[in-house]
């Protein structure tokens, strides 16, 4: 999602927000991708 511009601080906040919502063991090798999609969803909702 290159159109979503966040500072490093904001990225850390969203990572900490989404982190407890997902399990790496459940998503396996799709964990990073699922994490980013869920995080981007929260960013877009917050912007709206």
ModelCIF file with pLDDT and N, C-alpha, C, O atoms, coordinates in Angstrom:
data_MODEL
#
_entry.id   MODEL 
#
_entity.id                         1 
_entity.type                       polymer 
_entity.pdbx_number_of_molecules   1 
#
_entity_poly.entity_id                      1 
_entity_poly.type                           'polypeptide(L)' 
_entity_poly.nstd_linkage                   no 
_entity_poly.nstd_monomer                   no 
_entity_poly.pdbx_seq_one_letter_code       
;(UNK)(UNK)(UNK)(UNK)(UNK)(UNK)(UNK)(UNK)(UNK)(UNK)(UNK)(UNK)(UNK)(UNK)(UNK)(UNK)
(UNK)(UNK)(UNK)(UNK)(UNK)(UNK)(UNK)(UNK)(UNK)(UNK)(UNK)(UNK)(UNK)(UNK)(UNK)(UNK)
(UNK)(UNK)(UNK)(UNK)(UNK)(UNK)(UNK)(UNK)(UNK)(UNK)(UNK)(UNK)(UNK)(UNK)(UNK)(UNK)
;
_entity_poly.pdbx_seq_one_letter_code_can   XXXXXXXXXXXXXXXXXXXXXXXXXXXXXXXXXXXXXXXXXXXXXXXX 
_entity_poly.pdbx_strand_id                 A 
#
loop_
_entity_poly_seq.entity_id 
_entity_poly_seq.num 
_entity_poly_seq.mon_id 
_entity_poly_seq.hetero 
1 1  UNK n 
1 2  UNK n 
1 3  UNK n 
1 4  UNK n 
1 5  UNK n 
1 6  UNK n 
1 7  UNK n 
1 8  UNK n 
1 9  UNK n 
1 10 UNK n 
1 11 UNK n 
1 12 UNK n 
1 13 UNK n 
1 14 UNK n 
1 15 UNK n 
1 16 UNK n 
1 17 UNK n 
1 18 UNK n 
1 19 UNK n 
1 20 UNK n 
1 21 UNK n 
1 22 UNK n 
1 23 UNK n 
1 24 UNK n 
1 25 UNK n 
1 26 UNK n 
1 27 UNK n 
1 28 UNK n 
1 29 UNK n 
1 30 UNK n 
1 31 UNK n 
1 32 UNK n 
1 33 UNK n 
1 34 UNK n 
1 35 UNK n 
1 36 UNK n 
1 37 UNK n 
1 38 UNK n 
1 39 UNK n 
1 40 UNK n 
1 41 UNK n 
1 42 UNK n 
1 43 UNK n 
1 44 UNK n 
1 45 UNK n 
1 46 UNK n 
1 47 UNK n 
1 48 UNK n 
#
_struct_asym.id          A 
_struct_asym.entity_id   1 
#
loop_
_ma_qa_metric.id 
_ma_qa_metric.mode 
_ma_qa_metric.name 
_ma_qa_metric.software_group_id 
_ma_qa_metric.type 
1 global pLDDT . pLDDT 
2 local  pLDDT . pLDDT 
#
_ma_qa_metric_global.metric_id      1 
_ma_qa_metric_global.metric_value   93.69 
_ma_qa_metric_global.model_id       1 
_ma_qa_metric_global.ordinal_id     1 
#
loop_
_ma_qa_metric_local.label_asym_id 
_ma_qa_metric_local.label_comp_id 
_ma_qa_metric_local.label_seq_id 
_ma_qa_metric_local.metric_id 
_ma_qa_metric_local.metric_value 
_ma_qa_metric_local.model_id 
_ma_qa_metric_local.ordinal_id 
A UNK 1  2 94.00 1 1  
A UNK 2  2 94.00 1 2  
A UNK 3  2 94.00 1 3  
A UNK 4  2 94.00 1 4  
A UNK 5  2 92.00 1 5  
A UNK 6  2 93.00 1 6  
A UNK 7  2 93.00 1 7  
A UNK 8  2 93.00 1 8  
A UNK 9  2 95.00 1 9  
A UNK 10 2 94.00 1 10 
A UNK 11 2 94.00 1 11 
A UNK 12 2 94.00 1 12 
A UNK 13 2 95.00 1 13 
A UNK 14 2 95.00 1 14 
A UNK 15 2 95.00 1 15 
A UNK 16 2 94.00 1 16 
A UNK 17 2 94.00 1 17 
A UNK 18 2 95.00 1 18 
A UNK 19 2 94.00 1 19 
A UNK 20 2 94.00 1 20 
A UNK 21 2 94.00 1 21 
A UNK 22 2 93.00 1 22 
A UNK 23 2 91.00 1 23 
A UNK 24 2 92.00 1 24 
A UNK 25 2 91.00 1 25 
A UNK 26 2 91.00 1 26 
A UNK 27 2 92.00 1 27 
A UNK 28 2 91.00 1 28 
A UNK 29 2 93.00 1 29 
A UNK 30 2 94.00 1 30 
A UNK 31 2 95.00 1 31 
A UNK 32 2 96.00 1 32 
A UNK 33 2 96.00 1 33 
A UNK 34 2 96.00 1 34 
A UNK 35 2 96.00 1 35 
A UNK 36 2 97.00 1 36 
A UNK 37 2 97.00 1 37 
A UNK 38 2 96.00 1 38 
A UNK 39 2 96.00 1 39 
A UNK 40 2 96.00 1 40 
A UNK 41 2 95.00 1 41 
A UNK 42 2 95.00 1 42 
A UNK 43 2 95.00 1 43 
A UNK 44 2 93.00 1 44 
A UNK 45 2 91.00 1 45 
A UNK 46 2 90.00 1 46 
A UNK 47 2 89.00 1 47 
A UNK 48 2 86.00 1 48 
#
loop_
_atom_site.group_PDB 
_atom_site.id 
_atom_site.type_symbol 
_atom_site.label_atom_id 
_atom_site.label_alt_id 
_atom_site.label_comp_id 
_atom_site.label_asym_id 
_atom_site.label_entity_id 
_atom_site.label_seq_id 
_atom_site.pdbx_PDB_ins_code 
_atom_site.Cartn_x 
_atom_site.Cartn_y 
_atom_site.Cartn_z 
_atom_site.occupancy 
_atom_site.B_iso_or_equiv 
_atom_site.pdbx_formal_charge 
_atom_site.auth_seq_id 
_atom_site.auth_comp_id 
_atom_site.auth_asym_id 
_atom_site.auth_atom_id 
_atom_site.pdbx_PDB_model_num 
ATOM 1   N N  . UNK A 1 1  ? 0.835   -1.209  0.000  1.00 94.00 ? 1  UNK A N  1 
ATOM 2   C CA . UNK A 1 1  ? 0.000   0.000   0.000  1.00 94.00 ? 1  UNK A CA 1 
ATOM 3   C C  . UNK A 1 1  ? 0.873   1.263   0.000  1.00 94.00 ? 1  UNK A C  1 
ATOM 4   O O  . UNK A 1 1  ? 0.940   1.978   0.999  1.00 94.00 ? 1  UNK A O  1 
ATOM 5   N N  . UNK A 1 2  ? 1.536   1.526   -1.125 1.00 94.00 ? 2  UNK A N  1 
ATOM 6   C CA . UNK A 1 2  ? 2.427   2.691   -1.186 1.00 94.00 ? 2  UNK A CA 1 
ATOM 7   C C  . UNK A 1 2  ? 1.693   4.033   -1.084 1.00 94.00 ? 2  UNK A C  1 
ATOM 8   O O  . UNK A 1 2  ? 2.308   5.058   -0.789 1.00 94.00 ? 2  UNK A O  1 
ATOM 9   N N  . UNK A 1 3  ? 0.387   4.024   -1.326 1.00 94.00 ? 3  UNK A N  1 
ATOM 10  C CA . UNK A 1 3  ? -0.379  5.279   -1.241 1.00 94.00 ? 3  UNK A CA 1 
ATOM 11  C C  . UNK A 1 3  ? -0.639  5.714   0.193  1.00 94.00 ? 3  UNK A C  1 
ATOM 12  O O  . UNK A 1 3  ? -1.028  6.858   0.431  1.00 94.00 ? 3  UNK A O  1 
ATOM 13  N N  . UNK A 1 4  ? -0.431  4.819   1.148  1.00 94.00 ? 4  UNK A N  1 
ATOM 14  C CA . UNK A 1 4  ? -0.623  5.152   2.565  1.00 94.00 ? 4  UNK A CA 1 
ATOM 15  C C  . UNK A 1 4  ? 0.723   5.571   3.145  1.00 94.00 ? 4  UNK A C  1 
ATOM 16  O O  . UNK A 1 4  ? 1.615   4.742   3.328  1.00 94.00 ? 4  UNK A O  1 
ATOM 17  N N  . UNK A 1 5  ? 0.858   6.836   3.427  1.00 92.00 ? 5  UNK A N  1 
ATOM 18  C CA . UNK A 1 5  ? 2.122   7.378   3.928  1.00 92.00 ? 5  UNK A CA 1 
ATOM 19  C C  . UNK A 1 5  ? 2.016   7.518   5.448  1.00 92.00 ? 5  UNK A C  1 
ATOM 20  O O  . UNK A 1 5  ? 1.177   8.256   5.965  1.00 92.00 ? 5  UNK A O  1 
ATOM 21  N N  . UNK A 1 6  ? 2.887   6.792   6.146  1.00 93.00 ? 6  UNK A N  1 
ATOM 22  C CA . UNK A 1 6  ? 2.924   6.863   7.605  1.00 93.00 ? 6  UNK A CA 1 
ATOM 23  C C  . UNK A 1 6  ? 4.353   7.120   8.066  1.00 93.00 ? 6  UNK A C  1 
ATOM 24  O O  . UNK A 1 6  ? 5.310   6.693   7.420  1.00 93.00 ? 6  UNK A O  1 
ATOM 25  N N  . UNK A 1 7  ? 4.487   7.815   9.181  1.00 93.00 ? 7  UNK A N  1 
ATOM 26  C CA . UNK A 1 7  ? 5.806   7.987   9.788  1.00 93.00 ? 7  UNK A CA 1 
ATOM 27  C C  . UNK A 1 7  ? 6.195   6.678   10.472 1.00 93.00 ? 7  UNK A C  1 
ATOM 28  O O  . UNK A 1 7  ? 5.351   5.806   10.678 1.00 93.00 ? 7  UNK A O  1 
ATOM 29  N N  . UNK A 1 8  ? 7.468   6.545   10.823 1.00 93.00 ? 8  UNK A N  1 
ATOM 30  C CA . UNK A 1 8  ? 7.921   5.349   11.543 1.00 93.00 ? 8  UNK A CA 1 
ATOM 31  C C  . UNK A 1 8  ? 7.183   5.196   12.872 1.00 93.00 ? 8  UNK A C  1 
ATOM 32  O O  . UNK A 1 8  ? 6.851   4.086   13.289 1.00 93.00 ? 8  UNK A O  1 
ATOM 33  N N  . UNK A 1 9  ? 6.934   6.327   13.526 1.00 95.00 ? 9  UNK A N  1 
ATOM 34  C CA . UNK A 1 9  ? 6.191   6.308   14.798 1.00 95.00 ? 9  UNK A CA 1 
ATOM 35  C C  . UNK A 1 9  ? 4.782   5.763   14.603 1.00 95.00 ? 9  UNK A C  1 
ATOM 36  O O  . UNK A 1 9  ? 4.325   4.920   15.375 1.00 95.00 ? 9  UNK A O  1 
ATOM 37  N N  . UNK A 1 10 ? 4.091   6.247   13.569 1.00 94.00 ? 10 UNK A N  1 
ATOM 38  C CA . UNK A 1 10 ? 2.734   5.788   13.285 1.00 94.00 ? 10 UNK A CA 1 
ATOM 39  C C  . UNK A 1 10 ? 2.724   4.306   12.914 1.00 94.00 ? 10 UNK A C  1 
ATOM 40  O O  . UNK A 1 10 ? 1.836   3.563   13.332 1.00 94.00 ? 10 UNK A O  1 
ATOM 41  N N  . UNK A 1 11 ? 3.715   3.878   12.125 1.00 94.00 ? 11 UNK A N  1 
ATOM 42  C CA . UNK A 1 11 ? 3.813   2.453   11.783 1.00 94.00 ? 11 UNK A CA 1 
ATOM 43  C C  . UNK A 1 11 ? 3.941   1.605   13.043 1.00 94.00 ? 11 UNK A C  1 
ATOM 44  O O  . UNK A 1 11 ? 3.290   0.568   13.165 1.00 94.00 ? 11 UNK A O  1 
ATOM 45  N N  . UNK A 1 12 ? 4.775   2.040   13.976 1.00 94.00 ? 12 UNK A N  1 
ATOM 46  C CA . UNK A 1 12 ? 4.955   1.304   15.236 1.00 94.00 ? 12 UNK A CA 1 
ATOM 47  C C  . UNK A 1 12 ? 3.646   1.216   16.016 1.00 94.00 ? 12 UNK A C  1 
ATOM 48  O O  . UNK A 1 12 ? 3.316   0.170   16.575 1.00 94.00 ? 12 UNK A O  1 
ATOM 49  N N  . UNK A 1 13 ? 2.903   2.321   16.049 1.00 95.00 ? 13 UNK A N  1 
ATOM 50  C CA . UNK A 1 13 ? 1.622   2.333   16.768 1.00 95.00 ? 13 UNK A CA 1 
ATOM 51  C C  . UNK A 1 13 ? 0.655   1.337   16.141 1.00 95.00 ? 13 UNK A C  1 
ATOM 52  O O  . UNK A 1 13 ? 0.013   0.568   16.856 1.00 95.00 ? 13 UNK A O  1 
ATOM 53  N N  . UNK A 1 14 ? 0.542   1.340   14.811 1.00 95.00 ? 14 UNK A N  1 
ATOM 54  C CA . UNK A 1 14 ? -0.377  0.414   14.136 1.00 95.00 ? 14 UNK A CA 1 
ATOM 55  C C  . UNK A 1 14 ? 0.094   -1.030  14.262 1.00 95.00 ? 14 UNK A C  1 
ATOM 56  O O  . UNK A 1 14 ? -0.731  -1.934  14.391 1.00 95.00 ? 14 UNK A O  1 
ATOM 57  N N  . UNK A 1 15 ? 1.393   -1.262  14.229 1.00 95.00 ? 15 UNK A N  1 
ATOM 58  C CA . UNK A 1 15 ? 1.911   -2.621  14.429 1.00 95.00 ? 15 UNK A CA 1 
ATOM 59  C C  . UNK A 1 15 ? 1.530   -3.117  15.819 1.00 95.00 ? 15 UNK A C  1 
ATOM 60  O O  . UNK A 1 15 ? 1.094   -4.257  15.981 1.00 95.00 ? 15 UNK A O  1 
ATOM 61  N N  . UNK A 1 16 ? 1.694   -2.264  16.813 1.00 94.00 ? 16 UNK A N  1 
ATOM 62  C CA . UNK A 1 16 ? 1.331   -2.645  18.189 1.00 94.00 ? 16 UNK A CA 1 
ATOM 63  C C  . UNK A 1 16 ? -0.176  -2.827  18.351 1.00 94.00 ? 16 UNK A C  1 
ATOM 64  O O  . UNK A 1 16 ? -0.622  -3.636  19.165 1.00 94.00 ? 16 UNK A O  1 
ATOM 65  N N  . UNK A 1 17 ? -0.956  -2.080  17.581 1.00 94.00 ? 17 UNK A N  1 
ATOM 66  C CA . UNK A 1 17 ? -2.413  -2.206  17.629 1.00 94.00 ? 17 UNK A CA 1 
ATOM 67  C C  . UNK A 1 17 ? -2.870  -3.540  17.041 1.00 94.00 ? 17 UNK A C  1 
ATOM 68  O O  . UNK A 1 17 ? -3.719  -4.220  17.618 1.00 94.00 ? 17 UNK A O  1 
ATOM 69  N N  . UNK A 1 18 ? -2.310  -3.908  15.902 1.00 95.00 ? 18 UNK A N  1 
ATOM 70  C CA . UNK A 1 18 ? -2.759  -5.099  15.178 1.00 95.00 ? 18 UNK A CA 1 
ATOM 71  C C  . UNK A 1 18 ? -2.125  -6.377  15.720 1.00 95.00 ? 18 UNK A C  1 
ATOM 72  O O  . UNK A 1 18 ? -2.714  -7.453  15.611 1.00 95.00 ? 18 UNK A O  1 
ATOM 73  N N  . UNK A 1 19 ? -0.957  -6.275  16.290 1.00 94.00 ? 19 UNK A N  1 
ATOM 74  C CA . UNK A 1 19 ? -0.206  -7.447  16.742 1.00 94.00 ? 19 UNK A CA 1 
ATOM 75  C C  . UNK A 1 19 ? -1.008  -8.456  17.573 1.00 94.00 ? 19 UNK A C  1 
ATOM 76  O O  . UNK A 1 19 ? -0.915  -9.654  17.304 1.00 94.00 ? 19 UNK A O  1 
ATOM 77  N N  . UNK A 1 20 ? -1.784  -8.029  18.563 1.00 94.00 ? 20 UNK A N  1 
ATOM 78  C CA . UNK A 1 20 ? -2.532  -9.031  19.349 1.00 94.00 ? 20 UNK A CA 1 
ATOM 79  C C  . UNK A 1 20 ? -3.735  -9.629  18.613 1.00 94.00 ? 20 UNK A C  1 
ATOM 80  O O  . UNK A 1 20 ? -4.363  -10.561 19.114 1.00 94.00 ? 20 UNK A O  1 
ATOM 81  N N  . UNK A 1 21 ? -4.057  -9.106  17.443 1.00 94.00 ? 21 UNK A N  1 
ATOM 82  C CA . UNK A 1 21 ? -5.236  -9.578  16.715 1.00 94.00 ? 21 UNK A CA 1 
ATOM 83  C C  . UNK A 1 21 ? -4.960  -10.779 15.825 1.00 94.00 ? 21 UNK A C  1 
ATOM 84  O O  . UNK A 1 21 ? -5.894  -11.460 15.398 1.00 94.00 ? 21 UNK A O  1 
ATOM 85  N N  . UNK A 1 22 ? -3.693  -11.048 15.539 1.00 93.00 ? 22 UNK A N  1 
ATOM 86  C CA . UNK A 1 22 ? -3.344  -12.120 14.605 1.00 93.00 ? 22 UNK A CA 1 
ATOM 87  C C  . UNK A 1 22 ? -2.358  -13.092 15.236 1.00 93.00 ? 22 UNK A C  1 
ATOM 88  O O  . UNK A 1 22 ? -1.533  -12.723 16.071 1.00 93.00 ? 22 UNK A O  1 
ATOM 89  N N  . UNK A 1 23 ? -2.471  -14.340 14.810 1.00 91.00 ? 23 UNK A N  1 
ATOM 90  C CA . UNK A 1 23 ? -1.561  -15.366 15.275 1.00 91.00 ? 23 UNK A CA 1 
ATOM 91  C C  . UNK A 1 23 ? -0.706  -15.844 14.108 1.00 91.00 ? 23 UNK A C  1 
ATOM 92  O O  . UNK A 1 23 ? -1.224  -16.238 13.063 1.00 91.00 ? 23 UNK A O  1 
ATOM 93  N N  . UNK A 1 24 ? 0.603   -15.805 14.298 1.00 92.00 ? 24 UNK A N  1 
ATOM 94  C CA . UNK A 1 24 ? 1.515   -16.253 13.250 1.00 92.00 ? 24 UNK A CA 1 
ATOM 95  C C  . UNK A 1 24 ? 1.338   -17.742 12.978 1.00 92.00 ? 24 UNK A C  1 
ATOM 96  O O  . UNK A 1 24 ? 1.497   -18.194 11.844 1.00 92.00 ? 24 UNK A O  1 
ATOM 97  N N  . UNK A 1 25 ? 1.009   -18.497 14.010 1.00 91.00 ? 25 UNK A N  1 
ATOM 98  C CA . UNK A 1 25 ? 0.837   -19.943 13.817 1.00 91.00 ? 25 UNK A CA 1 
ATOM 99  C C  . UNK A 1 25 ? -0.400  -20.262 12.980 1.00 91.00 ? 25 UNK A C  1 
ATOM 100 O O  . UNK A 1 25 ? -0.428  -21.279 12.286 1.00 91.00 ? 25 UNK A O  1 
ATOM 101 N N  . UNK A 1 26 ? -1.412  -19.415 13.035 1.00 91.00 ? 26 UNK A N  1 
ATOM 102 C CA . UNK A 1 26 ? -2.634  -19.638 12.254 1.00 91.00 ? 26 UNK A CA 1 
ATOM 103 C C  . UNK A 1 26 ? -2.422  -19.273 10.790 1.00 91.00 ? 26 UNK A C  1 
ATOM 104 O O  . UNK A 1 26 ? -2.845  -20.010 9.900  1.00 91.00 ? 26 UNK A O  1 
ATOM 105 N N  . UNK A 1 27 ? -1.769  -18.137 10.535 1.00 92.00 ? 27 UNK A N  1 
ATOM 106 C CA . UNK A 1 27 ? -1.600  -17.655 9.167  1.00 92.00 ? 27 UNK A CA 1 
ATOM 107 C C  . UNK A 1 27 ? -0.369  -18.223 8.470  1.00 92.00 ? 27 UNK A C  1 
ATOM 108 O O  . UNK A 1 27 ? -0.262  -18.152 7.246  1.00 92.00 ? 27 UNK A O  1 
ATOM 109 N N  . UNK A 1 28 ? 0.550   -18.780 9.231  1.00 91.00 ? 28 UNK A N  1 
ATOM 110 C CA . UNK A 1 28 ? 1.730   -19.408 8.639  1.00 91.00 ? 28 UNK A CA 1 
ATOM 111 C C  . UNK A 1 28 ? 2.519   -18.452 7.777  1.00 91.00 ? 28 UNK A C  1 
ATOM 112 O O  . UNK A 1 28 ? 2.823   -17.334 8.192  1.00 91.00 ? 28 UNK A O  1 
ATOM 113 N N  . UNK A 1 29 ? 2.857   -18.899 6.553  1.00 93.00 ? 29 UNK A N  1 
ATOM 114 C CA . UNK A 1 29 ? 3.682   -18.058 5.681  1.00 93.00 ? 29 UNK A CA 1 
ATOM 115 C C  . UNK A 1 29 ? 2.909   -16.867 5.107  1.00 93.00 ? 29 UNK A C  1 
ATOM 116 O O  . UNK A 1 29 ? 3.503   -16.034 4.423  1.00 93.00 ? 29 UNK A O  1 
ATOM 117 N N  . UNK A 1 30 ? 1.625   -16.766 5.362  1.00 94.00 ? 30 UNK A N  1 
ATOM 118 C CA . UNK A 1 30 ? 0.818   -15.613 4.928  1.00 94.00 ? 30 UNK A CA 1 
ATOM 119 C C  . UNK A 1 30 ? 0.682   -14.561 6.042  1.00 94.00 ? 30 UNK A C  1 
ATOM 120 O O  . UNK A 1 30 ? -0.032  -13.572 5.876  1.00 94.00 ? 30 UNK A O  1 
ATOM 121 N N  . UNK A 1 31 ? 1.362   -14.775 7.165  1.00 95.00 ? 31 UNK A N  1 
ATOM 122 C CA . UNK A 1 31 ? 1.216   -13.907 8.337  1.00 95.00 ? 31 UNK A CA 1 
ATOM 123 C C  . UNK A 1 31 ? 1.544   -12.446 8.020  1.00 95.00 ? 31 UNK A C  1 
ATOM 124 O O  . UNK A 1 31 ? 0.756   -11.557 8.342  1.00 95.00 ? 31 UNK A O  1 
ATOM 125 N N  . UNK A 1 32 ? 2.685   -12.189 7.399  1.00 96.00 ? 32 UNK A N  1 
ATOM 126 C CA . UNK A 1 32 ? 3.100   -10.807 7.118  1.00 96.00 ? 32 UNK A CA 1 
ATOM 127 C C  . UNK A 1 32 ? 2.082   -10.125 6.203  1.00 96.00 ? 32 UNK A C  1 
ATOM 128 O O  . UNK A 1 32 ? 1.691   -8.983  6.441  1.00 96.00 ? 32 UNK A O  1 
ATOM 129 N N  . UNK A 1 33 ? 1.660   -10.832 5.162  1.00 96.00 ? 33 UNK A N  1 
ATOM 130 C CA . UNK A 1 33 ? 0.697   -10.265 4.217  1.00 96.00 ? 33 UNK A CA 1 
ATOM 131 C C  . UNK A 1 33 ? -0.634  -9.976  4.899  1.00 96.00 ? 33 UNK A C  1 
ATOM 132 O O  . UNK A 1 33 ? -1.203  -8.899  4.719  1.00 96.00 ? 33 UNK A O  1 
ATOM 133 N N  . UNK A 1 34 ? -1.136  -10.931 5.681  1.00 96.00 ? 34 UNK A N  1 
ATOM 134 C CA . UNK A 1 34 ? -2.398  -10.732 6.404  1.00 96.00 ? 34 UNK A CA 1 
ATOM 135 C C  . UNK A 1 34 ? -2.269  -9.571  7.387  1.00 96.00 ? 34 UNK A C  1 
ATOM 136 O O  . UNK A 1 34 ? -3.183  -8.759  7.524  1.00 96.00 ? 34 UNK A O  1 
ATOM 137 N N  . UNK A 1 35 ? -1.134  -9.501  8.062  1.00 96.00 ? 35 UNK A N  1 
ATOM 138 C CA . UNK A 1 35 ? -0.888  -8.431  9.022  1.00 96.00 ? 35 UNK A CA 1 
ATOM 139 C C  . UNK A 1 35 ? -0.961  -7.072  8.332  1.00 96.00 ? 35 UNK A C  1 
ATOM 140 O O  . UNK A 1 35 ? -1.606  -6.149  8.830  1.00 96.00 ? 35 UNK A O  1 
ATOM 141 N N  . UNK A 1 36 ? -0.295  -6.955  7.182  1.00 97.00 ? 36 UNK A N  1 
ATOM 142 C CA . UNK A 1 36 ? -0.260  -5.680  6.460  1.00 97.00 ? 36 UNK A CA 1 
ATOM 143 C C  . UNK A 1 36 ? -1.654  -5.299  5.971  1.00 97.00 ? 36 UNK A C  1 
ATOM 144 O O  . UNK A 1 36 ? -2.045  -4.136  6.070  1.00 97.00 ? 36 UNK A O  1 
ATOM 145 N N  . UNK A 1 37 ? -2.408  -6.267  5.444  1.00 97.00 ? 37 UNK A N  1 
ATOM 146 C CA . UNK A 1 37 ? -3.764  -5.950  4.977  1.00 97.00 ? 37 UNK A CA 1 
ATOM 147 C C  . UNK A 1 37 ? -4.648  -5.485  6.130  1.00 97.00 ? 37 UNK A C  1 
ATOM 148 O O  . UNK A 1 37 ? -5.399  -4.522  5.976  1.00 97.00 ? 37 UNK A O  1 
ATOM 149 N N  . UNK A 1 38 ? -4.571  -6.147  7.276  1.00 96.00 ? 38 UNK A N  1 
ATOM 150 C CA . UNK A 1 38 ? -5.386  -5.727  8.412  1.00 96.00 ? 38 UNK A CA 1 
ATOM 151 C C  . UNK A 1 38 ? -4.931  -4.359  8.931  1.00 96.00 ? 38 UNK A C  1 
ATOM 152 O O  . UNK A 1 38 ? -5.760  -3.521  9.286  1.00 96.00 ? 38 UNK A O  1 
ATOM 153 N N  . UNK A 1 39 ? -3.640  -4.141  8.972  1.00 96.00 ? 39 UNK A N  1 
ATOM 154 C CA . UNK A 1 39 ? -3.113  -2.857  9.425  1.00 96.00 ? 39 UNK A CA 1 
ATOM 155 C C  . UNK A 1 39 ? -3.537  -1.737  8.466  1.00 96.00 ? 39 UNK A C  1 
ATOM 156 O O  . UNK A 1 39 ? -3.954  -0.667  8.911  1.00 96.00 ? 39 UNK A O  1 
ATOM 157 N N  . UNK A 1 40 ? -3.432  -1.976  7.161  1.00 96.00 ? 40 UNK A N  1 
ATOM 158 C CA . UNK A 1 40 ? -3.834  -0.973  6.171  1.00 96.00 ? 40 UNK A CA 1 
ATOM 159 C C  . UNK A 1 40 ? -5.329  -0.681  6.276  1.00 96.00 ? 40 UNK A C  1 
ATOM 160 O O  . UNK A 1 40 ? -5.757  0.460   6.100  1.00 96.00 ? 40 UNK A O  1 
ATOM 161 N N  . UNK A 1 41 ? -6.119  -1.714  6.564  1.00 95.00 ? 41 UNK A N  1 
ATOM 162 C CA . UNK A 1 41 ? -7.563  -1.522  6.759  1.00 95.00 ? 41 UNK A CA 1 
ATOM 163 C C  . UNK A 1 41 ? -7.808  -0.535  7.901  1.00 95.00 ? 41 UNK A C  1 
ATOM 164 O O  . UNK A 1 41 ? -8.623  0.377   7.765  1.00 95.00 ? 41 UNK A O  1 
ATOM 165 N N  . UNK A 1 42 ? -7.115  -0.709  9.015  1.00 95.00 ? 42 UNK A N  1 
ATOM 166 C CA . UNK A 1 42 ? -7.273  0.195   10.158 1.00 95.00 ? 42 UNK A CA 1 
ATOM 167 C C  . UNK A 1 42 ? -6.806  1.610   9.813  1.00 95.00 ? 42 UNK A C  1 
ATOM 168 O O  . UNK A 1 42 ? -7.425  2.589   10.232 1.00 95.00 ? 42 UNK A O  1 
ATOM 169 N N  . UNK A 1 43 ? -5.725  1.718   9.057  1.00 95.00 ? 43 UNK A N  1 
ATOM 170 C CA . UNK A 1 43 ? -5.212  3.033   8.661  1.00 95.00 ? 43 UNK A CA 1 
ATOM 171 C C  . UNK A 1 43 ? -6.242  3.763   7.797  1.00 95.00 ? 43 UNK A C  1 
ATOM 172 O O  . UNK A 1 43 ? -6.523  4.940   8.023  1.00 95.00 ? 43 UNK A O  1 
ATOM 173 N N  . UNK A 1 44 ? -6.800  3.064   6.812  1.00 93.00 ? 44 UNK A N  1 
ATOM 174 C CA . UNK A 1 44 ? -7.773  3.686   5.911  1.00 93.00 ? 44 UNK A CA 1 
ATOM 175 C C  . UNK A 1 44 ? -9.031  4.095   6.678  1.00 93.00 ? 44 UNK A C  1 
ATOM 176 O O  . UNK A 1 44 ? -9.556  5.188   6.468  1.00 93.00 ? 44 UNK A O  1 
ATOM 177 N N  . UNK A 1 45 ? -9.515  3.229   7.561  1.00 91.00 ? 45 UNK A N  1 
ATOM 178 C CA . UNK A 1 45 ? -10.699 3.592   8.359  1.00 91.00 ? 45 UNK A CA 1 
ATOM 179 C C  . UNK A 1 45 ? -10.424 4.832   9.203  1.00 91.00 ? 45 UNK A C  1 
ATOM 180 O O  . UNK A 1 45 ? -11.263 5.729   9.286  1.00 91.00 ? 45 UNK A O  1 
ATOM 181 N N  . UNK A 1 46 ? -9.256  4.883   9.824  1.00 90.00 ? 46 UNK A N  1 
ATOM 182 C CA . UNK A 1 46 ? -8.905  6.027   10.657 1.00 90.00 ? 46 UNK A CA 1 
ATOM 183 C C  . UNK A 1 46 ? -8.833  7.296   9.811  1.00 90.00 ? 46 UNK A C  1 
ATOM 184 O O  . UNK A 1 46 ? -9.275  8.358   10.249 1.00 90.00 ? 46 UNK A O  1 
ATOM 185 N N  . UNK A 1 47 ? -8.279  7.193   8.601  1.00 89.00 ? 47 UNK A N  1 
ATOM 186 C CA . UNK A 1 47 ? -8.202  8.355   7.719  1.00 89.00 ? 47 UNK A CA 1 
ATOM 187 C C  . UNK A 1 47 ? -9.585  8.816   7.276  1.00 89.00 ? 47 UNK A C  1 
ATOM 188 O O  . UNK A 1 47 ? -9.845  10.016  7.191  1.00 89.00 ? 47 UNK A O  1 
ATOM 189 N N  . UNK A 1 48 ? -10.471 7.867   6.993  1.00 86.00 ? 48 UNK A N  1 
ATOM 190 C CA . UNK A 1 48 ? -11.837 8.230   6.606  1.00 86.00 ? 48 UNK A CA 1 
ATOM 191 C C  . UNK A 1 48 ? -12.567 8.917   7.750  1.00 86.00 ? 48 UNK A C  1 
ATOM 192 O O  . UNK A 1 48 ? -13.730 9.293   7.602  1.00 86.00 ? 48 UNK A O  1 
#
